[in-house]
Amino acid sequence: MILTPKEKLVAERIYLQKPDVTFEYAYKMFEAVDQNRSHVLPWLEWALPENTKKAEDEFIFALEADKDWREGKRFEYAIYDKKTDEYLGGLGVMMKGEEKNKRCEIGFWLVKHACGQGLMQEALKLVEDEFFSLGLERLVIRNVTENIKSKHVAERAGYCFEGVQRHGSYSSVLKKFRDVNVFSKISEQK
């Protein structure tokens, strides 16, 4: 199953756009990550200073994301404010070898000041509509059990809680395994 999703998806307050492979995009993303490290670091280790040191690291991310998009492995979207074009975060849809099962996993993050406004629910709805229309059967959101905000995003978006994967994720920051919540939505729920 090779997916060809739209590169731009538009909602009421936000839009999702396939990242540009430009230094302008890389600088926007790096600035947002750099200013929000303490907000995302307990959960997203790619934001560690040693993993994302400079804008060039984000440029490499954009190059890899573009390659993965063309190969149908991963579909990264930058999240922008529709009125101001401010970069607000990212959302990725990853196949993870699940093409035959028509299943993808979704990962996401927002800058701190954009949280708590329902913007991620808008982003998830856009992605659900697009990817279910392409023939996917199941979308999955996983988050460590301590990430209560991410858990609430999945619940508010109507994802079904399936259970906890014990020691489902290793944190190199904390040097320990953490339990992971698993949520899903299937095509008939949309």
N, C-alpha and C. Protein backbone atom coordinates (compact mmCIF):
# COMPACT_ATOMS: atom_id res chain seq x y z
N MET A 1 0.85 -1.18 0.00
CA MET A 1 0.00 0.00 0.00
C MET A 1 0.90 1.24 0.00
N ILE A 2 0.90 1.97 -1.09
CA ILE A 2 1.65 3.22 -1.18
C ILE A 2 0.65 4.36 -1.04
N LEU A 3 0.87 5.20 -0.04
CA LEU A 3 -0.02 6.32 0.21
C LEU A 3 0.49 7.57 -0.48
N THR A 4 -0.42 8.37 -0.97
CA THR A 4 -0.07 9.66 -1.56
C THR A 4 -0.98 10.74 -0.97
N PRO A 5 -0.73 11.10 0.28
CA PRO A 5 -1.58 12.12 0.91
C PRO A 5 -1.31 13.51 0.36
N LYS A 6 -2.27 14.38 0.57
CA LYS A 6 -2.09 15.78 0.17
C LYS A 6 -0.98 16.39 1.01
N GLU A 7 -0.24 17.32 0.40
CA GLU A 7 0.86 17.97 1.09
C GLU A 7 0.40 19.12 1.97
N LYS A 8 -0.83 19.60 1.77
CA LYS A 8 -1.38 20.66 2.61
C LYS A 8 -2.81 20.31 2.98
N LEU A 9 -3.10 20.39 4.28
CA LEU A 9 -4.43 20.12 4.81
C LEU A 9 -4.85 21.35 5.62
N VAL A 10 -6.09 21.82 5.41
CA VAL A 10 -6.52 23.09 6.01
C VAL A 10 -7.73 22.87 6.91
N ALA A 11 -7.66 23.43 8.13
CA ALA A 11 -8.78 23.41 9.08
C ALA A 11 -9.21 24.85 9.35
N GLU A 12 -10.02 25.02 10.38
CA GLU A 12 -10.56 26.34 10.69
C GLU A 12 -9.49 27.31 11.17
N ARG A 13 -8.62 26.86 12.10
CA ARG A 13 -7.64 27.75 12.70
C ARG A 13 -6.19 27.44 12.33
N ILE A 14 -5.96 26.28 11.77
CA ILE A 14 -4.60 25.85 11.45
C ILE A 14 -4.55 25.25 10.06
N TYR A 15 -3.32 25.05 9.59
CA TYR A 15 -3.13 24.21 8.42
C TYR A 15 -1.89 23.37 8.63
N LEU A 16 -1.88 22.21 8.00
CA LEU A 16 -0.75 21.30 8.04
C LEU A 16 -0.08 21.36 6.68
N GLN A 17 1.24 21.42 6.68
CA GLN A 17 1.99 21.53 5.43
C GLN A 17 3.19 20.61 5.49
N LYS A 18 3.40 19.85 4.41
CA LYS A 18 4.62 19.07 4.31
C LYS A 18 5.80 20.04 4.47
N PRO A 19 6.77 19.70 5.32
CA PRO A 19 7.89 20.63 5.54
C PRO A 19 8.65 20.94 4.26
N ASP A 20 8.99 22.20 4.11
CA ASP A 20 9.84 22.62 3.00
C ASP A 20 11.27 22.22 3.30
N VAL A 21 11.97 21.77 2.30
CA VAL A 21 13.40 21.46 2.47
C VAL A 21 14.16 22.75 2.18
N THR A 22 14.05 23.67 3.14
CA THR A 22 14.72 24.97 3.03
C THR A 22 15.31 25.33 4.39
N PHE A 23 16.30 26.21 4.36
CA PHE A 23 16.85 26.69 5.62
C PHE A 23 15.86 27.59 6.34
N GLU A 24 14.99 28.27 5.60
CA GLU A 24 13.97 29.10 6.24
C GLU A 24 13.09 28.23 7.15
N TYR A 25 12.63 27.10 6.62
CA TYR A 25 11.83 26.18 7.44
C TYR A 25 12.67 25.65 8.61
N ALA A 26 13.90 25.27 8.35
CA ALA A 26 14.77 24.71 9.39
C ALA A 26 14.96 25.70 10.54
N TYR A 27 15.14 26.97 10.22
CA TYR A 27 15.32 27.98 11.26
C TYR A 27 14.03 28.17 12.06
N LYS A 28 12.88 28.17 11.40
CA LYS A 28 11.60 28.28 12.12
C LYS A 28 11.43 27.12 13.10
N MET A 29 11.68 25.91 12.60
CA MET A 29 11.50 24.75 13.45
C MET A 29 12.50 24.75 14.60
N PHE A 30 13.76 25.05 14.30
CA PHE A 30 14.77 25.06 15.35
C PHE A 30 14.44 26.08 16.43
N GLU A 31 14.02 27.26 16.03
CA GLU A 31 13.66 28.30 17.00
C GLU A 31 12.52 27.82 17.90
N ALA A 32 11.51 27.17 17.32
CA ALA A 32 10.39 26.66 18.12
C ALA A 32 10.85 25.56 19.07
N VAL A 33 11.68 24.65 18.59
CA VAL A 33 12.19 23.57 19.44
C VAL A 33 13.06 24.16 20.55
N ASP A 34 13.96 25.05 20.18
CA ASP A 34 14.89 25.62 21.16
C ASP A 34 14.15 26.37 22.26
N GLN A 35 13.09 27.09 21.91
CA GLN A 35 12.33 27.86 22.89
C GLN A 35 11.38 26.97 23.71
N ASN A 36 11.16 25.75 23.28
CA ASN A 36 10.19 24.87 23.96
C ASN A 36 10.81 23.58 24.47
N ARG A 37 12.12 23.55 24.60
CA ARG A 37 12.79 22.31 25.04
C ARG A 37 12.24 21.79 26.37
N SER A 38 12.13 22.65 27.36
CA SER A 38 11.68 22.18 28.68
C SER A 38 10.23 21.68 28.62
N HIS A 39 9.48 22.19 27.69
CA HIS A 39 8.08 21.79 27.50
C HIS A 39 7.97 20.39 26.88
N VAL A 40 8.82 20.06 25.92
CA VAL A 40 8.71 18.78 25.21
C VAL A 40 9.70 17.72 25.66
N LEU A 41 10.77 18.14 26.34
CA LEU A 41 11.83 17.18 26.67
C LEU A 41 11.43 16.01 27.57
N PRO A 42 10.53 16.16 28.47
CA PRO A 42 10.22 14.95 29.22
C PRO A 42 9.68 13.82 28.33
N TRP A 43 9.19 14.19 27.14
CA TRP A 43 8.50 13.21 26.30
C TRP A 43 9.20 12.94 24.98
N LEU A 44 9.84 13.92 24.39
CA LEU A 44 10.38 13.80 23.04
C LEU A 44 11.89 14.02 23.05
N GLU A 45 12.63 12.93 23.02
CA GLU A 45 14.07 13.03 23.19
C GLU A 45 14.80 13.61 21.98
N TRP A 46 14.12 13.72 20.83
CA TRP A 46 14.77 14.37 19.69
C TRP A 46 15.05 15.83 20.00
N ALA A 47 14.39 16.38 21.04
CA ALA A 47 14.60 17.79 21.40
C ALA A 47 15.80 18.00 22.32
N LEU A 48 16.47 16.93 22.71
CA LEU A 48 17.67 17.08 23.54
C LEU A 48 18.68 17.97 22.82
N PRO A 49 19.38 18.83 23.57
CA PRO A 49 20.38 19.71 22.93
C PRO A 49 21.42 18.94 22.11
N GLU A 50 21.78 17.75 22.53
CA GLU A 50 22.76 16.99 21.74
C GLU A 50 22.16 16.38 20.47
N ASN A 51 20.83 16.27 20.40
CA ASN A 51 20.17 15.74 19.20
C ASN A 51 19.76 16.85 18.23
N THR A 52 19.40 18.00 18.77
CA THR A 52 18.99 19.14 17.95
C THR A 52 19.78 20.35 18.43
N LYS A 53 20.99 20.52 17.88
CA LYS A 53 21.91 21.55 18.34
C LYS A 53 21.76 22.87 17.60
N LYS A 54 21.35 22.74 16.32
CA LYS A 54 21.34 23.94 15.47
C LYS A 54 20.32 23.74 14.35
N ALA A 55 20.06 24.82 13.63
CA ALA A 55 19.06 24.77 12.55
C ALA A 55 19.43 23.75 11.49
N GLU A 56 20.70 23.51 11.29
CA GLU A 56 21.13 22.54 10.29
C GLU A 56 20.61 21.13 10.62
N ASP A 57 20.45 20.84 11.92
CA ASP A 57 19.88 19.55 12.31
C ASP A 57 18.43 19.43 11.82
N GLU A 58 17.70 20.53 11.87
CA GLU A 58 16.32 20.53 11.39
C GLU A 58 16.27 20.45 9.87
N PHE A 59 17.27 21.02 9.21
CA PHE A 59 17.35 20.90 7.75
C PHE A 59 17.53 19.42 7.37
N ILE A 60 18.40 18.73 8.09
CA ILE A 60 18.59 17.29 7.85
C ILE A 60 17.29 16.54 8.10
N PHE A 61 16.57 16.91 9.17
CA PHE A 61 15.26 16.31 9.44
C PHE A 61 14.33 16.51 8.23
N ALA A 62 14.28 17.73 7.70
CA ALA A 62 13.41 18.01 6.55
C ALA A 62 13.81 17.18 5.33
N LEU A 63 15.12 17.03 5.11
CA LEU A 63 15.59 16.19 3.99
C LEU A 63 15.14 14.74 4.17
N GLU A 64 15.33 14.21 5.38
CA GLU A 64 14.93 12.82 5.65
C GLU A 64 13.42 12.65 5.54
N ALA A 65 12.67 13.63 6.06
CA ALA A 65 11.21 13.57 5.99
C ALA A 65 10.74 13.59 4.54
N ASP A 66 11.39 14.40 3.70
CA ASP A 66 11.03 14.48 2.28
C ASP A 66 11.29 13.13 1.60
N LYS A 67 12.42 12.52 1.89
CA LYS A 67 12.76 11.21 1.32
C LYS A 67 11.74 10.15 1.78
N ASP A 68 11.44 10.14 3.09
CA ASP A 68 10.47 9.17 3.62
C ASP A 68 9.08 9.38 3.01
N TRP A 69 8.71 10.63 2.77
CA TRP A 69 7.41 10.94 2.16
C TRP A 69 7.34 10.31 0.77
N ARG A 70 8.39 10.54 -0.03
CA ARG A 70 8.42 9.99 -1.39
C ARG A 70 8.39 8.47 -1.39
N GLU A 71 8.98 7.85 -0.37
CA GLU A 71 9.02 6.39 -0.27
C GLU A 71 7.79 5.81 0.44
N GLY A 72 6.90 6.68 0.92
CA GLY A 72 5.67 6.22 1.57
C GLY A 72 5.87 5.63 2.95
N LYS A 73 6.95 6.02 3.63
CA LYS A 73 7.25 5.48 4.95
C LYS A 73 6.74 6.35 6.10
N ARG A 74 6.81 7.67 5.90
CA ARG A 74 6.48 8.61 6.97
C ARG A 74 6.03 9.90 6.32
N PHE A 75 5.00 10.50 6.91
CA PHE A 75 4.44 11.73 6.37
C PHE A 75 4.44 12.78 7.48
N GLU A 76 5.42 13.66 7.42
CA GLU A 76 5.56 14.72 8.43
C GLU A 76 4.82 15.96 7.95
N TYR A 77 4.13 16.59 8.88
CA TYR A 77 3.46 17.86 8.62
C TYR A 77 3.92 18.89 9.64
N ALA A 78 4.20 20.09 9.17
CA ALA A 78 4.40 21.23 10.05
C ALA A 78 3.00 21.80 10.32
N ILE A 79 2.78 22.24 11.54
CA ILE A 79 1.50 22.83 11.92
C ILE A 79 1.68 24.35 11.98
N TYR A 80 0.83 25.06 11.25
CA TYR A 80 0.91 26.53 11.19
C TYR A 80 -0.41 27.16 11.61
N ASP A 81 -0.31 28.34 12.22
CA ASP A 81 -1.48 29.16 12.51
C ASP A 81 -2.00 29.70 11.17
N LYS A 82 -3.27 29.52 10.91
CA LYS A 82 -3.84 29.90 9.61
C LYS A 82 -3.80 31.41 9.38
N LYS A 83 -3.98 32.20 10.45
CA LYS A 83 -4.00 33.66 10.28
C LYS A 83 -2.61 34.27 10.19
N THR A 84 -1.67 33.75 10.98
CA THR A 84 -0.36 34.40 11.09
C THR A 84 0.78 33.64 10.41
N ASP A 85 0.54 32.41 9.99
CA ASP A 85 1.58 31.53 9.44
C ASP A 85 2.67 31.19 10.46
N GLU A 86 2.38 31.38 11.75
CA GLU A 86 3.36 31.02 12.79
C GLU A 86 3.50 29.50 12.85
N TYR A 87 4.73 29.03 12.95
CA TYR A 87 5.01 27.60 13.12
C TYR A 87 4.63 27.21 14.54
N LEU A 88 3.74 26.21 14.68
CA LEU A 88 3.23 25.83 16.00
C LEU A 88 3.67 24.45 16.46
N GLY A 89 4.24 23.65 15.58
CA GLY A 89 4.64 22.30 15.98
C GLY A 89 4.64 21.36 14.80
N GLY A 90 4.54 20.07 15.11
CA GLY A 90 4.58 19.08 14.05
C GLY A 90 3.70 17.88 14.35
N LEU A 91 3.37 17.17 13.29
CA LEU A 91 2.58 15.95 13.39
C LEU A 91 3.11 14.99 12.33
N GLY A 92 3.43 13.78 12.74
CA GLY A 92 3.94 12.78 11.81
C GLY A 92 3.03 11.57 11.76
N VAL A 93 2.86 11.03 10.57
CA VAL A 93 2.11 9.79 10.35
C VAL A 93 3.11 8.78 9.83
N MET A 94 3.34 7.73 10.61
CA MET A 94 4.42 6.77 10.30
C MET A 94 3.86 5.39 10.01
N MET A 95 4.31 4.80 8.91
CA MET A 95 3.84 3.47 8.53
C MET A 95 4.45 2.38 9.42
N LYS A 96 5.69 2.49 9.77
CA LYS A 96 6.38 1.52 10.65
C LYS A 96 6.20 0.07 10.20
N GLY A 97 6.26 -0.15 8.90
CA GLY A 97 6.17 -1.52 8.38
C GLY A 97 4.78 -2.12 8.44
N GLU A 98 3.76 -1.31 8.58
CA GLU A 98 2.40 -1.81 8.76
C GLU A 98 1.52 -1.65 7.52
N GLU A 99 2.14 -1.57 6.34
CA GLU A 99 1.38 -1.34 5.13
C GLU A 99 0.30 -2.40 4.91
N LYS A 100 0.65 -3.67 5.10
CA LYS A 100 -0.33 -4.75 4.84
C LYS A 100 -1.49 -4.70 5.82
N ASN A 101 -1.26 -4.14 7.02
CA ASN A 101 -2.31 -4.03 8.02
C ASN A 101 -3.07 -2.71 7.91
N LYS A 102 -2.65 -1.86 6.97
CA LYS A 102 -3.29 -0.55 6.76
C LYS A 102 -3.36 0.24 8.07
N ARG A 103 -2.21 0.29 8.75
CA ARG A 103 -2.12 0.91 10.05
C ARG A 103 -0.99 1.93 10.07
N CYS A 104 -1.22 3.07 10.70
CA CYS A 104 -0.19 4.09 10.90
C CYS A 104 -0.18 4.53 12.35
N GLU A 105 0.96 5.02 12.77
CA GLU A 105 1.08 5.61 14.10
C GLU A 105 1.27 7.11 13.95
N ILE A 106 0.64 7.85 14.83
CA ILE A 106 0.70 9.32 14.78
C ILE A 106 1.50 9.82 15.98
N GLY A 107 2.43 10.73 15.71
CA GLY A 107 3.15 11.42 16.76
C GLY A 107 2.96 12.92 16.56
N PHE A 108 2.98 13.68 17.64
CA PHE A 108 2.71 15.11 17.52
C PHE A 108 3.32 15.90 18.67
N TRP A 109 3.47 17.19 18.41
CA TRP A 109 3.88 18.13 19.47
C TRP A 109 3.44 19.53 19.08
N LEU A 110 3.25 20.38 20.08
CA LEU A 110 2.91 21.79 19.88
C LEU A 110 3.80 22.65 20.76
N VAL A 111 4.06 23.88 20.32
CA VAL A 111 4.73 24.84 21.18
C VAL A 111 3.82 25.09 22.38
N LYS A 112 4.43 25.46 23.49
CA LYS A 112 3.69 25.56 24.74
C LYS A 112 2.49 26.51 24.67
N HIS A 113 2.68 27.68 24.09
CA HIS A 113 1.59 28.67 24.08
C HIS A 113 0.40 28.25 23.20
N ALA A 114 0.57 27.23 22.37
CA ALA A 114 -0.52 26.76 21.51
C ALA A 114 -1.30 25.60 22.14
N CYS A 115 -0.82 25.10 23.26
CA CYS A 115 -1.48 23.96 23.91
C CYS A 115 -2.76 24.40 24.62
N GLY A 116 -3.66 23.45 24.80
CA GLY A 116 -4.89 23.69 25.55
C GLY A 116 -5.96 24.45 24.80
N GLN A 117 -5.82 24.58 23.48
CA GLN A 117 -6.79 25.34 22.69
C GLN A 117 -7.56 24.46 21.69
N GLY A 118 -7.32 23.16 21.72
CA GLY A 118 -7.98 22.26 20.79
C GLY A 118 -7.36 22.21 19.40
N LEU A 119 -6.19 22.82 19.25
CA LEU A 119 -5.55 22.85 17.93
C LEU A 119 -5.10 21.46 17.48
N MET A 120 -4.63 20.64 18.43
CA MET A 120 -4.20 19.31 18.03
C MET A 120 -5.39 18.44 17.62
N GLN A 121 -6.55 18.66 18.24
CA GLN A 121 -7.73 17.92 17.77
C GLN A 121 -8.06 18.29 16.33
N GLU A 122 -7.92 19.57 15.99
CA GLU A 122 -8.13 19.99 14.59
C GLU A 122 -7.14 19.31 13.67
N ALA A 123 -5.87 19.25 14.09
CA ALA A 123 -4.83 18.62 13.27
C ALA A 123 -5.12 17.13 13.10
N LEU A 124 -5.49 16.47 14.18
CA LEU A 124 -5.79 15.04 14.10
C LEU A 124 -6.97 14.78 13.18
N LYS A 125 -7.99 15.61 13.25
CA LYS A 125 -9.17 15.44 12.38
C LYS A 125 -8.77 15.55 10.91
N LEU A 126 -7.91 16.51 10.59
CA LEU A 126 -7.43 16.64 9.21
C LEU A 126 -6.73 15.37 8.75
N VAL A 127 -5.83 14.87 9.59
CA VAL A 127 -5.06 13.68 9.24
C VAL A 127 -5.97 12.45 9.14
N GLU A 128 -6.90 12.32 10.07
CA GLU A 128 -7.84 11.19 10.02
C GLU A 128 -8.63 11.20 8.72
N ASP A 129 -9.21 12.34 8.39
CA ASP A 129 -10.00 12.43 7.16
C ASP A 129 -9.16 12.07 5.94
N GLU A 130 -7.94 12.60 5.89
CA GLU A 130 -7.08 12.35 4.73
C GLU A 130 -6.65 10.89 4.64
N PHE A 131 -6.16 10.34 5.73
CA PHE A 131 -5.57 9.00 5.67
C PHE A 131 -6.63 7.89 5.64
N PHE A 132 -7.76 8.08 6.30
CA PHE A 132 -8.83 7.09 6.16
C PHE A 132 -9.38 7.10 4.74
N SER A 133 -9.42 8.29 4.11
CA SER A 133 -9.91 8.35 2.73
C SER A 133 -8.96 7.65 1.76
N LEU A 134 -7.70 7.49 2.17
CA LEU A 134 -6.71 6.79 1.34
C LEU A 134 -6.71 5.28 1.56
N GLY A 135 -7.58 4.81 2.44
CA GLY A 135 -7.72 3.37 2.63
C GLY A 135 -7.13 2.80 3.91
N LEU A 136 -6.62 3.66 4.79
CA LEU A 136 -6.12 3.13 6.06
C LEU A 136 -7.28 2.62 6.90
N GLU A 137 -7.01 1.63 7.70
CA GLU A 137 -8.02 1.04 8.57
C GLU A 137 -7.86 1.49 10.02
N ARG A 138 -6.63 1.76 10.43
CA ARG A 138 -6.37 2.00 11.86
C ARG A 138 -5.28 3.05 12.05
N LEU A 139 -5.55 4.01 12.96
CA LEU A 139 -4.56 5.00 13.37
C LEU A 139 -4.29 4.81 14.85
N VAL A 140 -3.03 4.91 15.23
CA VAL A 140 -2.61 4.65 16.61
C VAL A 140 -1.87 5.86 17.17
N ILE A 141 -2.16 6.19 18.41
CA ILE A 141 -1.41 7.19 19.16
C ILE A 141 -0.85 6.49 20.39
N ARG A 142 0.45 6.63 20.57
CA ARG A 142 1.11 6.08 21.76
C ARG A 142 1.75 7.23 22.53
N ASN A 143 1.66 7.17 23.85
CA ASN A 143 2.35 8.16 24.68
C ASN A 143 2.71 7.54 26.02
N VAL A 144 3.81 8.02 26.61
CA VAL A 144 4.19 7.49 27.91
C VAL A 144 3.10 7.86 28.92
N THR A 145 2.87 6.97 29.87
CA THR A 145 1.74 7.13 30.79
C THR A 145 1.82 8.42 31.60
N GLU A 146 3.03 8.94 31.83
CA GLU A 146 3.17 10.19 32.59
C GLU A 146 2.77 11.42 31.78
N ASN A 147 2.63 11.30 30.47
CA ASN A 147 2.30 12.44 29.62
C ASN A 147 0.78 12.62 29.58
N ILE A 148 0.26 13.20 30.63
CA ILE A 148 -1.19 13.34 30.80
C ILE A 148 -1.80 14.22 29.70
N LYS A 149 -1.11 15.28 29.29
CA LYS A 149 -1.66 16.17 28.25
C LYS A 149 -1.84 15.42 26.93
N SER A 150 -0.86 14.61 26.56
CA SER A 150 -0.97 13.84 25.32
C SER A 150 -2.09 12.81 25.42
N LYS A 151 -2.22 12.22 26.59
CA LYS A 151 -3.32 11.26 26.84
C LYS A 151 -4.66 11.95 26.63
N HIS A 152 -4.81 13.16 27.17
CA HIS A 152 -6.07 13.90 27.02
C HIS A 152 -6.35 14.28 25.56
N VAL A 153 -5.30 14.58 24.80
CA VAL A 153 -5.48 14.88 23.37
C VAL A 153 -6.12 13.68 22.68
N ALA A 154 -5.56 12.49 22.91
CA ALA A 154 -6.10 11.28 22.28
C ALA A 154 -7.54 11.03 22.71
N GLU A 155 -7.82 11.19 23.99
CA GLU A 155 -9.18 10.96 24.48
C GLU A 155 -10.17 11.95 23.89
N ARG A 156 -9.80 13.25 23.88
CA ARG A 156 -10.70 14.27 23.34
C ARG A 156 -10.94 14.09 21.84
N ALA A 157 -9.97 13.51 21.15
CA ALA A 157 -10.11 13.28 19.71
C ALA A 157 -10.87 11.99 19.42
N GLY A 158 -11.33 11.30 20.46
CA GLY A 158 -12.18 10.13 20.26
C GLY A 158 -11.43 8.83 20.04
N TYR A 159 -10.16 8.79 20.41
CA TYR A 159 -9.39 7.55 20.27
C TYR A 159 -9.74 6.61 21.43
N CYS A 160 -9.80 5.34 21.12
CA CYS A 160 -10.14 4.31 22.09
C CYS A 160 -8.88 3.88 22.85
N PHE A 161 -8.95 3.89 24.17
CA PHE A 161 -7.83 3.44 24.98
C PHE A 161 -7.79 1.91 24.93
N GLU A 162 -6.68 1.36 24.46
CA GLU A 162 -6.56 -0.09 24.32
C GLU A 162 -5.81 -0.73 25.47
N GLY A 163 -4.98 0.04 26.16
CA GLY A 163 -4.23 -0.52 27.27
C GLY A 163 -2.86 0.10 27.39
N VAL A 164 -2.05 -0.49 28.24
CA VAL A 164 -0.71 0.01 28.53
C VAL A 164 0.31 -1.04 28.13
N GLN A 165 1.29 -0.62 27.35
CA GLN A 165 2.44 -1.48 27.04
C GLN A 165 3.43 -1.29 28.18
N ARG A 166 3.61 -2.31 28.97
CA ARG A 166 4.57 -2.19 30.07
C ARG A 166 5.98 -2.11 29.48
N HIS A 167 6.73 -1.13 29.96
CA HIS A 167 8.11 -0.88 29.49
C HIS A 167 8.16 -0.77 27.97
N GLY A 168 7.19 -0.05 27.40
CA GLY A 168 7.09 0.09 25.95
C GLY A 168 8.04 1.11 25.35
N SER A 169 8.76 1.87 26.18
CA SER A 169 9.65 2.90 25.66
C SER A 169 10.82 3.09 26.63
N TYR A 170 12.02 3.23 26.06
CA TYR A 170 13.19 3.48 26.90
C TYR A 170 13.57 4.95 26.82
N SER A 171 13.76 5.58 27.95
CA SER A 171 14.19 6.97 28.01
C SER A 171 15.68 7.03 28.27
N SER A 172 16.43 7.56 27.30
CA SER A 172 17.87 7.72 27.51
C SER A 172 18.15 8.87 28.48
N VAL A 173 17.20 9.78 28.65
CA VAL A 173 17.34 10.88 29.60
C VAL A 173 17.21 10.35 31.02
N LEU A 174 16.15 9.60 31.25
CA LEU A 174 15.88 9.07 32.59
C LEU A 174 16.62 7.77 32.87
N LYS A 175 17.17 7.18 31.82
CA LYS A 175 17.89 5.90 31.94
C LYS A 175 16.99 4.81 32.52
N LYS A 176 15.77 4.75 32.01
CA LYS A 176 14.85 3.71 32.46
C LYS A 176 13.76 3.49 31.41
N PHE A 177 13.10 2.35 31.53
CA PHE A 177 11.96 2.06 30.68
C PHE A 177 10.73 2.73 31.26
N ARG A 178 9.82 3.12 30.35
CA ARG A 178 8.56 3.72 30.79
C ARG A 178 7.39 2.99 30.14
N ASP A 179 6.28 2.98 30.84
CA ASP A 179 5.07 2.38 30.31
C ASP A 179 4.43 3.32 29.29
N VAL A 180 3.73 2.74 28.31
CA VAL A 180 3.18 3.52 27.20
C VAL A 180 1.69 3.22 27.03
N ASN A 181 0.87 4.28 26.99
CA ASN A 181 -0.55 4.16 26.65
C ASN A 181 -0.68 3.90 25.16
N VAL A 182 -1.66 3.08 24.79
CA VAL A 182 -1.96 2.84 23.38
C VAL A 182 -3.42 3.21 23.13
N PHE A 183 -3.62 4.11 22.18
CA PHE A 183 -4.96 4.55 21.76
C PHE A 183 -5.10 4.26 20.27
N SER A 184 -6.32 4.01 19.84
CA SER A 184 -6.53 3.81 18.40
C SER A 184 -7.88 4.35 17.95
N LYS A 185 -7.95 4.58 16.67
CA LYS A 185 -9.21 4.93 16.00
C LYS A 185 -9.23 4.11 14.72
N ILE A 186 -10.37 3.50 14.43
CA ILE A 186 -10.49 2.72 13.20
C ILE A 186 -11.41 3.45 12.24
N SER A 187 -11.33 3.08 10.98
CA SER A 187 -12.01 3.85 9.92
C SER A 187 -13.50 4.00 10.15
N GLU A 188 -14.14 3.02 10.71
CA GLU A 188 -15.60 3.14 10.92
C GLU A 188 -15.96 4.12 12.01
N GLN A 189 -15.01 4.60 12.79
CA GLN A 189 -15.26 5.59 13.86
C GLN A 189 -15.27 7.02 13.35
N LYS A 190 -14.68 7.24 12.16
CA LYS A 190 -14.50 8.63 11.72
C LYS A 190 -15.78 9.37 11.45
